[in-house]
Amino acid sequence: MFNTKTKIEPMGQIPVSTSAATMIGAGTTLKGDIQSQQDLRIDGTVIGNVRSAAKIIIGQGGVIEGDLESIQCDVNGKVSGNIRCRELLQLRGESVITGNLYAGKLQIEPSATFNGQCHMGANIVEMGNNEQITATAR
């Protein structure tokens, strides 16, 4: 009973979970750009650009007013901006997208709404990123 040792780690040495996901809940509004190395799930509103080195999931009540960039993206909500997805981009349910799509692969359900241009293929996604970098450098 008294021999049990509990290890207490200092605040700066909290172990990092490799499967952690960041969630922006319903009823939350975030103004500003988001950049993450982990998965993101957005059920609230984000006014700004969102980038992830993993997967972005936009829930049914999620709203994004800005550009998205990720490896994979699953959209159930509303996006007003361009979406760049290196692998699979899925537009599901009652999703509404207003902006251009750049995707390696694209899956659109019949109930989804998309208004913009679509560019597909791995080379297109990379070319789109290079064009954006060149435009900002000017």
Protein backbone atom coordinates (compact mmCIF):
# COMPACT_ATOMS: atom_id res chain seq x y z
CA MET A 1 0.00 0.00 0.00
CA PHE A 2 2.73 2.51 0.91
CA ASN A 3 5.29 1.04 -1.47
CA THR A 4 3.40 2.14 -4.59
CA LYS A 5 5.47 4.64 -6.53
CA THR A 6 3.76 7.25 -8.62
CA LYS A 7 5.81 8.94 -11.30
CA ILE A 8 5.10 12.63 -11.60
CA GLU A 9 6.47 14.26 -14.74
CA PRO A 10 7.33 17.96 -14.96
CA MET A 11 5.01 20.09 -17.13
CA GLY A 12 7.54 20.38 -19.94
CA GLN A 13 7.81 16.59 -20.35
CA ILE A 14 4.24 15.56 -21.04
CA PRO A 15 4.25 12.55 -23.39
CA VAL A 16 2.94 13.28 -26.87
CA SER A 17 0.23 10.95 -28.17
CA THR A 18 0.67 9.90 -31.79
CA SER A 19 -3.06 9.38 -32.30
CA ALA A 20 -4.24 12.67 -30.80
CA ALA A 21 -6.76 14.72 -32.73
CA THR A 22 -7.66 18.35 -32.22
CA MET A 23 -11.38 19.12 -32.04
CA ILE A 24 -13.15 22.44 -32.42
CA GLY A 25 -16.58 21.81 -30.96
CA ALA A 26 -20.01 23.01 -32.01
CA GLY A 27 -20.78 26.50 -30.76
CA THR A 28 -17.10 27.54 -30.95
CA THR A 29 -15.93 30.26 -33.34
CA LEU A 30 -12.23 30.61 -34.02
CA LYS A 31 -10.81 33.55 -35.97
CA GLY A 32 -7.31 32.98 -37.34
CA ASP A 33 -5.26 30.41 -39.19
CA ILE A 34 -4.78 26.87 -37.83
CA GLN A 35 -1.78 24.67 -38.56
CA SER A 36 -1.47 21.14 -37.12
CA GLN A 37 0.63 18.01 -37.47
CA GLN A 38 -2.29 15.84 -36.21
CA ASP A 39 -5.84 15.13 -37.34
CA LEU A 40 -8.37 17.95 -36.98
CA ARG A 41 -12.12 17.66 -36.45
CA ILE A 42 -14.12 20.87 -36.85
CA ASP A 43 -17.74 21.00 -35.73
CA GLY A 44 -17.70 24.74 -35.00
CA THR A 45 -16.79 27.76 -37.14
CA VAL A 46 -13.30 28.70 -38.30
CA ILE A 47 -12.69 32.02 -40.02
CA GLY A 48 -9.22 31.54 -41.47
CA ASN A 49 -7.07 29.03 -43.29
CA VAL A 50 -6.71 25.48 -41.95
CA ARG A 51 -3.67 23.26 -42.65
CA SER A 52 -2.95 19.79 -41.38
CA ALA A 53 -0.19 17.29 -42.09
CA ALA A 54 -2.80 14.57 -41.50
CA LYS A 55 -6.59 14.45 -41.98
CA ILE A 56 -9.22 17.20 -41.64
CA ILE A 57 -12.81 16.27 -40.85
CA ILE A 58 -15.50 18.95 -41.15
CA GLY A 59 -18.57 17.83 -39.20
CA GLN A 60 -22.15 18.37 -40.30
CA GLY A 61 -22.37 21.67 -38.39
CA GLY A 62 -18.81 22.74 -39.24
CA VAL A 63 -18.21 25.96 -41.18
CA ILE A 64 -14.90 27.07 -42.68
CA GLU A 65 -14.40 30.49 -44.21
CA GLY A 66 -10.92 30.08 -45.67
CA ASP A 67 -8.71 27.61 -47.50
CA LEU A 68 -8.10 24.00 -46.41
CA GLU A 69 -4.93 22.02 -47.02
CA SER A 70 -4.31 18.43 -45.87
CA ILE A 71 -3.38 14.90 -46.81
CA GLN A 72 -7.00 13.67 -46.55
CA CYS A 73 -10.20 15.63 -46.08
CA ASP A 74 -13.73 14.55 -45.21
CA VAL A 75 -16.30 17.36 -45.56
CA ASN A 76 -19.83 17.13 -44.14
CA GLY A 77 -20.34 20.86 -43.45
CA LYS A 78 -19.75 24.14 -45.32
CA VAL A 79 -16.51 25.44 -46.81
CA SER A 80 -16.08 28.82 -48.49
CA GLY A 81 -12.57 28.65 -49.94
CA ASN A 82 -10.22 26.44 -51.89
CA ILE A 83 -9.51 22.87 -50.77
CA ARG A 84 -6.15 21.19 -51.46
CA CYS A 85 -6.00 17.51 -50.58
CA ARG A 86 -3.04 15.37 -51.64
CA GLU A 87 -4.86 12.04 -51.38
CA LEU A 88 -8.63 11.51 -50.96
CA LEU A 89 -11.14 14.35 -50.70
CA GLN A 90 -14.67 13.26 -49.74
CA LEU A 91 -17.71 15.56 -50.03
CA ARG A 92 -20.42 13.88 -47.98
CA GLY A 93 -24.06 14.34 -47.03
CA GLU A 94 -25.40 17.87 -47.25
CA SER A 95 -21.95 19.48 -47.58
CA VAL A 96 -21.73 22.80 -49.43
CA ILE A 97 -18.43 23.86 -50.97
CA THR A 98 -17.86 27.20 -52.69
CA GLY A 99 -14.33 27.28 -54.07
CA ASN A 100 -11.86 25.34 -56.17
CA LEU A 101 -10.83 21.77 -55.42
CA TYR A 102 -7.33 20.33 -55.89
CA ALA A 103 -7.31 16.63 -55.04
CA GLY A 104 -5.44 13.44 -55.77
CA LYS A 105 -8.77 11.57 -55.69
CA LEU A 106 -12.30 12.90 -55.25
CA GLN A 107 -15.50 11.28 -53.99
CA ILE A 108 -18.75 13.29 -54.08
CA GLU A 109 -22.04 11.99 -52.71
CA PRO A 110 -25.17 12.92 -54.71
CA SER A 111 -26.53 15.17 -51.92
CA ALA A 112 -23.34 17.30 -51.72
CA THR A 113 -23.17 20.71 -53.43
CA PHE A 114 -19.99 21.99 -55.07
CA ASN A 115 -19.54 25.31 -56.91
CA GLY A 116 -16.10 25.91 -58.37
CA GLN A 117 -13.44 24.25 -60.46
CA CYS A 118 -12.02 20.79 -59.85
CA HIS A 119 -8.43 19.80 -60.56
CA MET A 120 -7.46 16.18 -59.95
CA GLY A 121 -4.29 14.12 -59.85
CA ALA A 122 -1.18 14.21 -57.65
CA ASN A 123 0.67 16.48 -60.09
CA ILE A 124 -2.18 19.00 -60.06
CA VAL A 125 -2.13 19.25 -56.26
CA GLU A 126 1.63 19.88 -56.20
CA MET A 127 1.41 22.37 -59.08
CA GLY A 128 -1.37 24.23 -57.26
CA ASN A 129 0.82 24.57 -54.15
CA ASN A 130 3.73 25.91 -56.22
CA GLU A 131 1.49 28.46 -57.96
CA GLN A 132 0.26 29.69 -54.58
CA ILE A 133 3.83 30.09 -53.26
CA THR A 134 4.86 31.99 -56.42
CA ALA A 135 1.82 34.29 -56.18
CA THR A 136 2.55 35.17 -52.53
CA ALA A 137 6.22 35.87 -53.31
CA ARG A 138 5.25 38.61 -55.78
